[in-house]
Amino acid sequence: MITFLLADNQDITRAGLRAYIADTFGEAGCRTLEVANKKALIEALTTHRDSTVAILDYALFDLASVEELLNLGRRFPEVAWLLCSNELSDALIRRLSAEHHVGMILKDCTADEIRAALRHTVQGDRFLCHRIADFLLTVHRQPDTHEALTATETEILRLIARGLSVKEIASERISSTHTIITHKKNIFRKLGVNNVYEATKYALRAGLVEMVEYYI
């Protein structure tokens, strides 16, 4: 019996993954459990160690750093890991490329690629979707000062620097306030800042927002 742990805070993603898992392995051949936070994930991993696949959206989950994710991998070596996200930064992909027990796919991959990722991960083989694999094969370019941020996080940082509130950013991006708050926490963590003022200073220094935009 294969156990899939879905560590993703988006309802539509969990529903989609459940459907793909059932379609690929049959409902009788696996069980799918959902975990809402890091504590619940650790409890589930402690209970279900063998024949377990953890599918995680790192960008929207409450892990403090990539090292915390890797520590979980070392703590539960029997578990296979598959990151499923559209918010994997270039720096994160490069960092995880050295970890052979962590597969990576994007949420907008084709159905065939998602099914292939599930099958390979269950078999103990690492799977990288073709876009991530192509990225890793390209020549490494010089990192930008804000390369640690994803495209979405960079845009949200711009909006923060322009003085928009979480509610206003959520409205502009047609997203939930919960998602924006999660992105904001990730931005602050990655940049090593503690408040909006420090984040705005960073955005100005990095050229992500012009002074004229800041004062409007």
N, C-alpha and C. Protein backbone atom coordinates (compact mmCIF):
# COMPACT_ATOMS: atom_id res chain seq x y z
N MET A 1 0.85 -1.20 0.00
CA MET A 1 0.00 0.00 0.00
C MET A 1 0.88 1.25 0.00
N ILE A 2 0.73 2.07 -1.01
CA ILE A 2 1.50 3.30 -1.11
C ILE A 2 0.74 4.42 -0.40
N THR A 3 1.45 5.19 0.42
CA THR A 3 0.85 6.33 1.09
C THR A 3 1.37 7.62 0.46
N PHE A 4 0.47 8.48 0.02
CA PHE A 4 0.82 9.78 -0.51
C PHE A 4 0.44 10.84 0.52
N LEU A 5 1.39 11.68 0.89
CA LEU A 5 1.13 12.81 1.79
C LEU A 5 1.11 14.08 0.96
N LEU A 6 -0.01 14.77 0.94
CA LEU A 6 -0.14 16.00 0.16
C LEU A 6 0.06 17.19 1.09
N ALA A 7 1.20 17.84 0.96
CA ALA A 7 1.52 19.02 1.77
C ALA A 7 1.41 20.25 0.88
N ASP A 8 0.19 20.67 0.65
CA ASP A 8 -0.08 21.79 -0.26
C ASP A 8 -1.30 22.52 0.26
N ASN A 9 -1.23 23.85 0.36
CA ASN A 9 -2.32 24.62 0.94
C ASN A 9 -3.35 25.09 -0.08
N GLN A 10 -3.24 24.66 -1.33
CA GLN A 10 -4.22 25.03 -2.34
C GLN A 10 -5.20 23.88 -2.57
N ASP A 11 -6.48 24.15 -2.34
CA ASP A 11 -7.51 23.11 -2.46
C ASP A 11 -7.53 22.49 -3.85
N ILE A 12 -7.43 23.33 -4.88
CA ILE A 12 -7.54 22.83 -6.25
C ILE A 12 -6.36 21.93 -6.60
N THR A 13 -5.18 22.23 -6.06
CA THR A 13 -4.02 21.39 -6.32
C THR A 13 -4.17 20.03 -5.65
N ARG A 14 -4.64 20.03 -4.41
CA ARG A 14 -4.83 18.75 -3.70
C ARG A 14 -5.86 17.88 -4.42
N ALA A 15 -6.94 18.51 -4.87
CA ALA A 15 -7.98 17.75 -5.58
C ALA A 15 -7.42 17.17 -6.87
N GLY A 16 -6.63 17.97 -7.59
CA GLY A 16 -6.03 17.50 -8.83
C GLY A 16 -5.06 16.35 -8.60
N LEU A 17 -4.23 16.46 -7.58
CA LEU A 17 -3.26 15.41 -7.28
C LEU A 17 -3.97 14.12 -6.86
N ARG A 18 -5.03 14.27 -6.08
CA ARG A 18 -5.80 13.07 -5.70
C ARG A 18 -6.31 12.35 -6.95
N ALA A 19 -6.81 13.11 -7.90
CA ALA A 19 -7.35 12.52 -9.13
C ALA A 19 -6.24 11.82 -9.93
N TYR A 20 -5.09 12.48 -10.04
CA TYR A 20 -3.97 11.87 -10.77
C TYR A 20 -3.49 10.60 -10.09
N ILE A 21 -3.42 10.62 -8.77
CA ILE A 21 -2.95 9.45 -8.02
C ILE A 21 -3.91 8.29 -8.21
N ALA A 22 -5.21 8.55 -8.07
CA ALA A 22 -6.21 7.49 -8.24
C ALA A 22 -6.19 6.95 -9.66
N ASP A 23 -6.01 7.85 -10.63
CA ASP A 23 -5.99 7.43 -12.04
C ASP A 23 -4.75 6.59 -12.35
N THR A 24 -3.64 6.91 -11.70
CA THR A 24 -2.38 6.23 -11.98
C THR A 24 -2.24 4.90 -11.26
N PHE A 25 -2.68 4.82 -10.01
CA PHE A 25 -2.45 3.63 -9.20
C PHE A 25 -3.72 2.88 -8.81
N GLY A 26 -4.88 3.49 -9.04
CA GLY A 26 -6.12 2.87 -8.61
C GLY A 26 -6.39 3.16 -7.15
N GLU A 27 -7.62 3.35 -6.80
CA GLU A 27 -7.97 3.72 -5.43
C GLU A 27 -7.63 2.62 -4.42
N ALA A 28 -7.62 1.36 -4.88
CA ALA A 28 -7.34 0.26 -3.96
C ALA A 28 -5.85 0.10 -3.68
N GLY A 29 -5.01 0.68 -4.55
CA GLY A 29 -3.57 0.46 -4.42
C GLY A 29 -2.84 1.52 -3.64
N CYS A 30 -3.56 2.52 -3.13
CA CYS A 30 -2.88 3.60 -2.41
C CYS A 30 -3.85 4.30 -1.49
N ARG A 31 -3.29 5.10 -0.61
CA ARG A 31 -4.09 5.98 0.24
C ARG A 31 -3.46 7.36 0.18
N THR A 32 -4.30 8.36 0.25
CA THR A 32 -3.83 9.73 0.14
C THR A 32 -4.26 10.50 1.38
N LEU A 33 -3.28 11.11 2.05
CA LEU A 33 -3.54 11.89 3.25
C LEU A 33 -3.12 13.33 3.01
N GLU A 34 -3.87 14.27 3.59
CA GLU A 34 -3.55 15.69 3.46
C GLU A 34 -3.03 16.22 4.78
N VAL A 35 -1.98 17.04 4.71
CA VAL A 35 -1.42 17.67 5.90
C VAL A 35 -1.40 19.18 5.69
N ALA A 36 -1.77 19.92 6.72
CA ALA A 36 -1.96 21.36 6.58
C ALA A 36 -0.75 22.20 6.97
N ASN A 37 0.17 21.61 7.74
CA ASN A 37 1.32 22.38 8.20
C ASN A 37 2.48 21.44 8.53
N LYS A 38 3.59 22.04 8.92
CA LYS A 38 4.80 21.26 9.19
C LYS A 38 4.59 20.25 10.31
N LYS A 39 3.92 20.65 11.36
CA LYS A 39 3.70 19.75 12.49
C LYS A 39 2.92 18.52 12.05
N ALA A 40 1.85 18.75 11.27
CA ALA A 40 1.05 17.63 10.79
C ALA A 40 1.84 16.75 9.84
N LEU A 41 2.72 17.37 9.04
CA LEU A 41 3.55 16.60 8.11
C LEU A 41 4.49 15.68 8.88
N ILE A 42 5.15 16.20 9.92
CA ILE A 42 6.08 15.39 10.71
C ILE A 42 5.34 14.25 11.40
N GLU A 43 4.15 14.54 11.93
CA GLU A 43 3.36 13.48 12.59
C GLU A 43 3.00 12.38 11.59
N ALA A 44 2.61 12.78 10.37
CA ALA A 44 2.25 11.80 9.35
C ALA A 44 3.47 11.00 8.90
N LEU A 45 4.61 11.66 8.76
CA LEU A 45 5.84 10.97 8.36
C LEU A 45 6.28 9.98 9.44
N THR A 46 6.08 10.34 10.69
CA THR A 46 6.44 9.46 11.79
C THR A 46 5.59 8.19 11.77
N THR A 47 4.32 8.35 11.42
CA THR A 47 3.39 7.22 11.39
C THR A 47 3.56 6.38 10.13
N HIS A 48 3.77 7.07 9.00
CA HIS A 48 3.85 6.38 7.70
C HIS A 48 5.25 6.60 7.11
N ARG A 49 6.15 5.69 7.40
CA ARG A 49 7.53 5.83 6.92
C ARG A 49 7.77 5.03 5.64
N ASP A 50 7.22 3.83 5.61
CA ASP A 50 7.51 2.92 4.49
C ASP A 50 6.53 3.15 3.35
N SER A 51 7.03 3.01 2.11
CA SER A 51 6.20 3.15 0.90
C SER A 51 5.41 4.46 0.94
N THR A 52 6.11 5.54 1.28
CA THR A 52 5.46 6.84 1.40
C THR A 52 6.08 7.84 0.45
N VAL A 53 5.22 8.61 -0.20
CA VAL A 53 5.66 9.70 -1.07
C VAL A 53 5.08 11.00 -0.52
N ALA A 54 5.95 11.96 -0.23
CA ALA A 54 5.51 13.28 0.24
C ALA A 54 5.54 14.24 -0.95
N ILE A 55 4.39 14.79 -1.30
CA ILE A 55 4.29 15.75 -2.39
C ILE A 55 4.09 17.13 -1.76
N LEU A 56 5.04 18.01 -1.98
CA LEU A 56 5.12 19.26 -1.22
C LEU A 56 5.21 20.48 -2.13
N ASP A 57 4.41 21.50 -1.83
CA ASP A 57 4.61 22.80 -2.46
C ASP A 57 5.43 23.63 -1.48
N TYR A 58 6.75 23.64 -1.70
CA TYR A 58 7.66 24.29 -0.76
C TYR A 58 7.34 25.77 -0.58
N ALA A 59 6.97 26.45 -1.67
CA ALA A 59 6.76 27.90 -1.61
C ALA A 59 5.57 28.28 -0.75
N LEU A 60 4.55 27.42 -0.68
CA LEU A 60 3.34 27.77 0.05
C LEU A 60 3.19 26.99 1.36
N PHE A 61 4.25 26.28 1.78
CA PHE A 61 4.18 25.52 3.02
C PHE A 61 5.02 26.23 4.07
N ASP A 62 4.81 25.87 5.34
CA ASP A 62 5.45 26.63 6.42
C ASP A 62 6.80 26.06 6.83
N LEU A 63 7.67 25.81 5.86
CA LEU A 63 9.05 25.43 6.16
C LEU A 63 9.90 26.68 6.17
N ALA A 64 10.77 26.80 7.16
CA ALA A 64 11.54 28.02 7.33
C ALA A 64 12.62 28.20 6.28
N SER A 65 13.14 27.09 5.75
CA SER A 65 14.23 27.17 4.78
C SER A 65 14.35 25.85 4.05
N VAL A 66 15.14 25.87 2.98
CA VAL A 66 15.37 24.63 2.24
C VAL A 66 16.14 23.64 3.10
N GLU A 67 16.97 24.13 4.00
CA GLU A 67 17.71 23.24 4.90
C GLU A 67 16.76 22.47 5.81
N GLU A 68 15.66 23.10 6.20
CA GLU A 68 14.67 22.40 7.03
C GLU A 68 14.03 21.27 6.23
N LEU A 69 13.78 21.51 4.95
CA LEU A 69 13.26 20.45 4.08
C LEU A 69 14.26 19.30 3.98
N LEU A 70 15.52 19.63 3.78
CA LEU A 70 16.55 18.59 3.66
C LEU A 70 16.75 17.84 4.96
N ASN A 71 16.58 18.52 6.07
CA ASN A 71 16.67 17.85 7.37
C ASN A 71 15.56 16.82 7.53
N LEU A 72 14.37 17.14 7.02
CA LEU A 72 13.26 16.18 7.05
C LEU A 72 13.62 14.95 6.20
N GLY A 73 14.26 15.21 5.06
CA GLY A 73 14.67 14.11 4.21
C GLY A 73 15.66 13.20 4.90
N ARG A 74 16.59 13.80 5.66
CA ARG A 74 17.57 12.99 6.40
C ARG A 74 16.92 12.27 7.58
N ARG A 75 15.93 12.90 8.19
CA ARG A 75 15.25 12.30 9.33
C ARG A 75 14.37 11.12 8.91
N PHE A 76 13.80 11.23 7.69
CA PHE A 76 12.92 10.18 7.18
C PHE A 76 13.47 9.69 5.84
N PRO A 77 14.58 8.94 5.85
CA PRO A 77 15.23 8.54 4.60
C PRO A 77 14.41 7.57 3.76
N GLU A 78 13.43 6.91 4.37
CA GLU A 78 12.62 5.95 3.62
C GLU A 78 11.60 6.65 2.72
N VAL A 79 11.35 7.93 2.97
CA VAL A 79 10.30 8.67 2.27
C VAL A 79 10.84 9.26 0.97
N ALA A 80 10.04 9.15 -0.10
CA ALA A 80 10.39 9.77 -1.37
C ALA A 80 9.73 11.15 -1.43
N TRP A 81 10.47 12.14 -1.94
CA TRP A 81 9.98 13.51 -1.96
C TRP A 81 9.79 14.00 -3.39
N LEU A 82 8.67 14.66 -3.62
CA LEU A 82 8.38 15.27 -4.92
C LEU A 82 7.87 16.68 -4.69
N LEU A 83 8.65 17.68 -5.09
CA LEU A 83 8.21 19.07 -4.99
C LEU A 83 7.34 19.39 -6.20
N CYS A 84 6.17 19.93 -5.93
CA CYS A 84 5.22 20.27 -6.99
C CYS A 84 4.82 21.72 -6.80
N SER A 85 5.35 22.62 -7.62
CA SER A 85 5.13 24.04 -7.41
C SER A 85 5.42 24.81 -8.68
N ASN A 86 4.82 25.98 -8.80
CA ASN A 86 5.19 26.90 -9.88
C ASN A 86 6.03 28.05 -9.35
N GLU A 87 6.47 27.94 -8.08
CA GLU A 87 7.20 29.02 -7.44
C GLU A 87 8.58 28.57 -6.97
N LEU A 88 9.25 27.79 -7.80
CA LEU A 88 10.61 27.35 -7.46
C LEU A 88 11.60 28.33 -8.08
N SER A 89 12.36 29.00 -7.25
CA SER A 89 13.33 29.97 -7.76
C SER A 89 14.50 29.24 -8.41
N ASP A 90 15.23 29.98 -9.26
CA ASP A 90 16.41 29.41 -9.91
C ASP A 90 17.41 28.89 -8.86
N ALA A 91 17.61 29.69 -7.82
CA ALA A 91 18.57 29.31 -6.78
C ALA A 91 18.13 28.04 -6.06
N LEU A 92 16.83 27.91 -5.79
CA LEU A 92 16.33 26.72 -5.10
C LEU A 92 16.48 25.48 -5.98
N ILE A 93 16.18 25.62 -7.27
CA ILE A 93 16.32 24.48 -8.19
C ILE A 93 17.76 24.01 -8.23
N ARG A 94 18.69 24.98 -8.33
CA ARG A 94 20.11 24.61 -8.36
C ARG A 94 20.53 23.94 -7.06
N ARG A 95 20.03 24.45 -5.94
CA ARG A 95 20.39 23.87 -4.64
C ARG A 95 19.88 22.44 -4.53
N LEU A 96 18.66 22.19 -4.96
CA LEU A 96 18.07 20.87 -4.82
C LEU A 96 18.53 19.90 -5.90
N SER A 97 19.18 20.43 -6.94
CA SER A 97 19.65 19.55 -8.02
C SER A 97 20.69 18.55 -7.50
N ALA A 98 21.33 18.88 -6.39
CA ALA A 98 22.34 17.99 -5.81
C ALA A 98 21.73 16.94 -4.90
N GLU A 99 20.43 17.06 -4.63
CA GLU A 99 19.76 16.13 -3.71
C GLU A 99 19.00 15.10 -4.53
N HIS A 100 19.55 13.90 -4.63
CA HIS A 100 19.01 12.90 -5.55
C HIS A 100 17.72 12.25 -5.06
N HIS A 101 17.31 12.56 -3.83
CA HIS A 101 16.05 11.99 -3.34
C HIS A 101 14.88 12.96 -3.47
N VAL A 102 15.12 14.13 -4.05
CA VAL A 102 14.07 15.14 -4.20
C VAL A 102 13.78 15.37 -5.68
N GLY A 103 12.58 14.98 -6.12
CA GLY A 103 12.15 15.25 -7.48
C GLY A 103 11.45 16.60 -7.56
N MET A 104 11.34 17.15 -8.76
CA MET A 104 10.72 18.46 -8.93
C MET A 104 9.88 18.50 -10.20
N ILE A 105 8.64 18.96 -10.05
CA ILE A 105 7.78 19.20 -11.20
C ILE A 105 7.07 20.53 -11.01
N LEU A 106 6.53 21.07 -12.09
CA LEU A 106 5.77 22.31 -12.04
C LEU A 106 4.28 21.98 -12.11
N LYS A 107 3.46 22.81 -11.48
CA LYS A 107 2.03 22.53 -11.42
C LYS A 107 1.35 22.59 -12.78
N ASP A 108 1.95 23.29 -13.73
CA ASP A 108 1.33 23.36 -15.05
C ASP A 108 1.97 22.39 -16.04
N CYS A 109 2.63 21.35 -15.52
CA CYS A 109 3.13 20.29 -16.38
C CYS A 109 1.95 19.57 -17.03
N THR A 110 2.22 18.85 -18.10
CA THR A 110 1.17 18.09 -18.76
C THR A 110 0.74 16.93 -17.87
N ALA A 111 -0.46 16.40 -18.16
CA ALA A 111 -0.97 15.27 -17.39
C ALA A 111 -0.04 14.07 -17.49
N ASP A 112 0.49 13.82 -18.68
CA ASP A 112 1.40 12.68 -18.86
C ASP A 112 2.65 12.84 -18.01
N GLU A 113 3.16 14.08 -17.93
CA GLU A 113 4.39 14.30 -17.16
C GLU A 113 4.13 14.14 -15.66
N ILE A 114 2.96 14.59 -15.20
CA ILE A 114 2.63 14.45 -13.78
C ILE A 114 2.48 12.97 -13.43
N ARG A 115 1.81 12.21 -14.29
CA ARG A 115 1.67 10.76 -14.04
C ARG A 115 3.04 10.08 -14.04
N ALA A 116 3.90 10.47 -14.98
CA ALA A 116 5.25 9.90 -15.03
C ALA A 116 6.02 10.22 -13.75
N ALA A 117 5.87 11.44 -13.25
CA ALA A 117 6.55 11.83 -12.01
C ALA A 117 6.09 10.97 -10.85
N LEU A 118 4.78 10.71 -10.77
CA LEU A 118 4.25 9.87 -9.69
C LEU A 118 4.79 8.46 -9.79
N ARG A 119 4.78 7.89 -10.99
CA ARG A 119 5.26 6.52 -11.16
C ARG A 119 6.75 6.40 -10.82
N HIS A 120 7.56 7.32 -11.34
CA HIS A 120 9.00 7.26 -11.08
C HIS A 120 9.30 7.42 -9.58
N THR A 121 8.59 8.34 -8.92
CA THR A 121 8.84 8.59 -7.50
C THR A 121 8.49 7.37 -6.67
N VAL A 122 7.38 6.72 -6.99
CA VAL A 122 6.97 5.51 -6.27
C VAL A 122 8.01 4.41 -6.45
N GLN A 123 8.60 4.35 -7.63
CA GLN A 123 9.62 3.33 -7.91
C GLN A 123 10.98 3.65 -7.30
N GLY A 124 11.08 4.82 -6.66
CA GLY A 124 12.34 5.20 -6.04
C GLY A 124 13.28 5.96 -6.95
N ASP A 125 12.79 6.36 -8.12
CA ASP A 125 13.60 7.10 -9.07
C ASP A 125 13.28 8.59 -8.98
N ARG A 126 14.31 9.39 -8.99
CA ARG A 126 14.10 10.84 -8.98
C ARG A 126 13.55 11.29 -10.33
N PHE A 127 12.58 12.22 -10.30
CA PHE A 127 12.00 12.72 -11.54
C PHE A 127 12.10 14.25 -11.57
N LEU A 128 12.59 14.77 -12.69
CA LEU A 128 12.61 16.21 -12.93
C LEU A 128 11.81 16.47 -14.20
N CYS A 129 10.87 17.41 -14.15
CA CYS A 129 10.11 17.71 -15.36
C CYS A 129 11.04 18.31 -16.41
N HIS A 130 10.61 18.31 -17.65
CA HIS A 130 11.53 18.68 -18.73
C HIS A 130 12.00 20.12 -18.64
N ARG A 131 11.14 21.02 -18.12
CA ARG A 131 11.57 22.42 -18.04
C ARG A 131 12.63 22.62 -16.97
N ILE A 132 12.49 21.94 -15.85
CA ILE A 132 13.51 22.03 -14.81
C ILE A 132 14.80 21.37 -15.28
N ALA A 133 14.67 20.22 -15.96
CA ALA A 133 15.86 19.55 -16.49
C ALA A 133 16.57 20.43 -17.52
N ASP A 134 15.79 21.09 -18.39
CA ASP A 134 16.38 21.98 -19.40
C ASP A 134 17.10 23.14 -18.73
N PHE A 135 16.51 23.67 -17.67
CA PHE A 135 17.15 24.78 -16.96
C PHE A 135 18.50 24.36 -16.40
N LEU A 136 18.53 23.17 -15.79
CA LEU A 136 19.78 22.70 -15.18
C LEU A 136 20.85 22.40 -16.22
N LEU A 137 20.43 22.16 -17.46
CA LEU A 137 21.40 21.88 -18.52
C LEU A 137 21.96 23.14 -19.17
N THR A 138 21.31 24.27 -18.92
CA THR A 138 21.78 25.51 -19.52
C THR A 138 23.02 26.03 -18.78
N VAL A 139 23.73 26.91 -19.44
CA VAL A 139 24.91 27.53 -18.83
C VAL A 139 24.45 28.44 -17.70
N HIS A 140 25.09 28.31 -16.55
CA HIS A 140 24.71 29.15 -15.40
C HIS A 140 25.06 30.60 -15.69
N ARG A 141 24.06 31.45 -15.54
CA ARG A 141 24.30 32.88 -15.74
C ARG A 141 24.66 33.54 -14.41
N GLN A 142 25.11 34.76 -14.47
CA GLN A 142 25.43 35.49 -13.24
C GLN A 142 24.14 35.75 -12.45
N PRO A 143 24.14 35.44 -11.17
CA PRO A 143 22.92 35.65 -10.40
C PRO A 143 22.61 37.12 -10.20
N ASP A 144 21.32 37.44 -10.30
CA ASP A 144 20.88 38.79 -9.98
C ASP A 144 20.85 38.95 -8.46
N THR A 145 20.81 40.19 -8.00
CA THR A 145 20.79 40.42 -6.55
C THR A 145 19.53 39.85 -5.92
N HIS A 146 18.45 39.78 -6.69
CA HIS A 146 17.20 39.28 -6.13
C HIS A 146 16.83 37.92 -6.71
N GLU A 147 17.82 37.13 -7.14
CA GLU A 147 17.54 35.87 -7.81
C GLU A 147 16.87 34.85 -6.90
N ALA A 148 17.07 34.98 -5.60
CA ALA A 148 16.46 34.03 -4.68
C ALA A 148 14.94 34.10 -4.71
N LEU A 149 14.38 35.23 -5.17
CA LEU A 149 12.94 35.38 -5.24
C LEU A 149 12.39 34.81 -6.54
N THR A 150 11.20 34.23 -6.45
CA THR A 150 10.52 33.78 -7.66
C THR A 150 9.94 34.99 -8.37
N ALA A 151 9.44 34.79 -9.59
CA ALA A 151 8.83 35.89 -10.35
C ALA A 151 7.63 36.46 -9.59
N THR A 152 6.83 35.58 -9.00
CA THR A 152 5.66 36.04 -8.24
C THR A 152 6.10 36.84 -7.02
N GLU A 153 7.10 36.35 -6.30
CA GLU A 153 7.58 37.06 -5.11
C GLU A 153 8.18 38.41 -5.47
N THR A 154 8.87 38.48 -6.60
CA THR A 154 9.45 39.75 -7.04
C THR A 154 8.35 40.77 -7.31
N GLU A 155 7.28 40.33 -7.96
CA GLU A 155 6.17 41.25 -8.26
C GLU A 155 5.47 41.69 -6.98
N ILE A 156 5.29 40.76 -6.04
CA ILE A 156 4.65 41.12 -4.77
C ILE A 156 5.55 42.08 -3.99
N LEU A 157 6.86 41.90 -4.06
CA LEU A 157 7.78 42.83 -3.40
C LEU A 157 7.63 44.23 -4.00
N ARG A 158 7.48 44.31 -5.31
CA ARG A 158 7.27 45.61 -5.95
C ARG A 158 6.00 46.28 -5.40
N LEU A 159 4.94 45.50 -5.27
CA LEU A 159 3.68 46.05 -4.77
C LEU A 159 3.80 46.48 -3.31
N ILE A 160 4.53 45.69 -2.53
CA ILE A 160 4.77 46.07 -1.13
C ILE A 160 5.52 47.39 -1.08
N ALA A 161 6.54 47.53 -1.92
CA ALA A 161 7.35 48.75 -1.94
C ALA A 161 6.54 49.96 -2.40
N ARG A 162 5.51 49.73 -3.18
CA ARG A 162 4.64 50.82 -3.63
C ARG A 162 3.61 51.19 -2.57
N GLY A 163 3.62 50.47 -1.43
CA GLY A 163 2.77 50.82 -0.32
C GLY A 163 1.44 50.10 -0.25
N LEU A 164 1.24 49.09 -1.08
CA LEU A 164 -0.03 48.37 -1.07
C LEU A 164 -0.11 47.44 0.13
N SER A 165 -1.30 47.31 0.68
CA SER A 165 -1.52 46.39 1.80
C SER A 165 -1.70 44.97 1.29
N VAL A 166 -1.69 44.01 2.20
CA VAL A 166 -1.89 42.61 1.82
C VAL A 166 -3.22 42.44 1.11
N LYS A 167 -4.26 43.08 1.64
CA LYS A 167 -5.60 42.97 1.03
C LYS A 167 -5.60 43.57 -0.37
N GLU A 168 -4.93 44.70 -0.55
CA GLU A 168 -4.88 45.35 -1.86
C GLU A 168 -4.09 44.51 -2.87
N ILE A 169 -2.99 43.90 -2.40
CA ILE A 169 -2.19 43.04 -3.28
C ILE A 169 -3.01 41.81 -3.70
N ALA A 170 -3.73 41.23 -2.73
CA ALA A 170 -4.56 40.06 -3.03
C ALA A 170 -5.62 40.41 -4.07
N SER A 171 -6.22 41.60 -3.93
CA SER A 171 -7.24 42.03 -4.89
C SER A 171 -6.64 42.23 -6.28
N GLU A 172 -5.47 42.88 -6.34
CA GLU A 172 -4.84 43.16 -7.62
C GLU A 172 -4.42 41.89 -8.32
N ARG A 173 -3.97 40.89 -7.57
CA ARG A 173 -3.47 39.65 -8.16
C ARG A 173 -4.54 38.56 -8.22
N ILE A 174 -5.75 38.91 -7.81
CA ILE A 174 -6.88 37.96 -7.79
C ILE A 174 -6.45 36.71 -7.03
N SER A 175 -6.04 36.92 -5.80
CA SER A 175 -5.55 35.83 -4.97
C SER A 175 -6.12 35.99 -3.57
N SER A 176 -5.88 35.00 -2.72
CA SER A 176 -6.37 35.08 -1.34
C SER A 176 -5.35 35.82 -0.48
N THR A 177 -5.83 36.42 0.59
CA THR A 177 -4.92 37.10 1.52
C THR A 177 -3.97 36.10 2.17
N HIS A 178 -4.44 34.86 2.38
CA HIS A 178 -3.58 33.83 2.97
C HIS A 178 -2.37 33.58 2.07
N THR A 179 -2.61 33.48 0.77
CA THR A 179 -1.50 33.22 -0.16
C THR A 179 -0.52 34.37 -0.17
N ILE A 180 -1.04 35.61 -0.16
CA ILE A 180 -0.16 36.79 -0.17
C ILE A 180 0.65 36.86 1.12
N ILE A 181 0.02 36.56 2.25
CA ILE A 181 0.75 36.56 3.53
C ILE A 181 1.87 35.53 3.50
N THR A 182 1.59 34.34 2.92
CA THR A 182 2.62 33.31 2.81
C THR A 182 3.78 33.78 1.95
N HIS A 183 3.45 34.39 0.80
CA HIS A 183 4.49 34.93 -0.08
C HIS A 183 5.31 36.00 0.65
N LYS A 184 4.61 36.86 1.39
CA LYS A 184 5.29 37.95 2.11
C LYS A 184 6.28 37.39 3.13
N LYS A 185 5.87 36.36 3.87
CA LYS A 185 6.77 35.72 4.84
C LYS A 185 7.99 35.13 4.14
N ASN A 186 7.75 34.48 2.99
CA ASN A 186 8.86 33.89 2.25
C ASN A 186 9.82 34.95 1.74
N ILE A 187 9.27 36.08 1.27
CA ILE A 187 10.10 37.19 0.78
C ILE A 187 10.98 37.72 1.90
N PHE A 188 10.38 37.98 3.06
CA PHE A 188 11.14 38.51 4.19
C PHE A 188 12.23 37.53 4.61
N ARG A 189 11.89 36.22 4.62
CA ARG A 189 12.86 35.20 5.03
C ARG A 189 14.03 35.16 4.06
N LYS A 190 13.72 35.15 2.76
CA LYS A 190 14.78 35.03 1.75
C LYS A 190 15.68 36.27 1.74
N LEU A 191 15.09 37.44 1.96
CA LEU A 191 15.88 38.68 1.92
C LEU A 191 16.55 39.00 3.26
N GLY A 192 16.14 38.30 4.31
CA GLY A 192 16.70 38.57 5.63
C GLY A 192 16.24 39.89 6.20
N VAL A 193 14.99 40.27 5.90
CA VAL A 193 14.44 41.52 6.42
C VAL A 193 13.32 41.20 7.39
N ASN A 194 12.95 42.19 8.20
CA ASN A 194 11.98 41.95 9.27
C ASN A 194 10.69 42.74 9.13
N ASN A 195 10.65 43.71 8.23
CA ASN A 195 9.45 44.53 8.11
C ASN A 195 9.35 45.13 6.71
N VAL A 196 8.22 45.81 6.46
CA VAL A 196 7.96 46.40 5.15
C VAL A 196 8.99 47.47 4.82
N TYR A 197 9.40 48.25 5.80
CA TYR A 197 10.39 49.31 5.57
C TYR A 197 11.69 48.73 5.02
N GLU A 198 12.19 47.67 5.66
CA GLU A 198 13.44 47.06 5.20
C GLU A 198 13.27 46.41 3.83
N ALA A 199 12.11 45.79 3.60
CA ALA A 199 11.84 45.17 2.30
C ALA A 199 11.79 46.24 1.20
N THR A 200 11.21 47.39 1.52
CA THR A 200 11.12 48.48 0.55
C THR A 200 12.50 49.03 0.22
N LYS A 201 13.34 49.18 1.24
CA LYS A 201 14.72 49.63 1.01
C LYS A 201 15.45 48.67 0.09
N TYR A 202 15.24 47.37 0.31
CA TYR A 202 15.89 46.38 -0.55
C TYR A 202 15.39 46.53 -1.99
N ALA A 203 14.09 46.68 -2.17
CA ALA A 203 13.52 46.80 -3.51
C ALA A 203 14.06 48.02 -4.23
N LEU A 204 14.23 49.11 -3.51
CA LEU A 204 14.77 50.34 -4.10
C LEU A 204 16.23 50.14 -4.51
N ARG A 205 17.02 49.53 -3.62
CA ARG A 205 18.43 49.30 -3.92
C ARG A 205 18.62 48.35 -5.11
N ALA A 206 17.73 47.35 -5.21
CA ALA A 206 17.84 46.35 -6.27
C ALA A 206 17.26 46.84 -7.59
N GLY A 207 16.65 48.04 -7.57
CA GLY A 207 16.09 48.57 -8.80
C GLY A 207 14.78 47.91 -9.20
N LEU A 208 14.11 47.27 -8.23
CA LEU A 208 12.84 46.62 -8.53
C LEU A 208 11.70 47.61 -8.57
N VAL A 209 11.92 48.78 -8.00
CA VAL A 209 10.91 49.84 -8.01
C VAL A 209 11.63 51.18 -8.11
N GLU A 210 11.11 52.08 -8.88
CA GLU A 210 11.72 53.39 -9.04
C GLU A 210 11.30 54.30 -7.90
N MET A 211 12.14 55.26 -7.60
CA MET A 211 11.82 56.22 -6.53
C MET A 211 10.49 56.91 -6.78
N VAL A 212 10.20 57.23 -8.04
CA VAL A 212 8.96 57.93 -8.35
C VAL A 212 7.75 57.04 -8.00
N GLU A 213 7.87 55.71 -8.24
CA GLU A 213 6.80 54.80 -7.87
C GLU A 213 6.62 54.75 -6.36
N TYR A 214 7.76 54.81 -5.65
CA TYR A 214 7.75 54.72 -4.19
C TYR A 214 7.01 55.90 -3.58
N TYR A 215 7.14 57.07 -4.16
CA TYR A 215 6.54 58.26 -3.59
C TYR A 215 5.13 58.52 -4.07
N ILE A 216 4.68 57.80 -5.13
CA ILE A 216 3.31 58.00 -5.62
C ILE A 216 2.32 57.49 -4.58
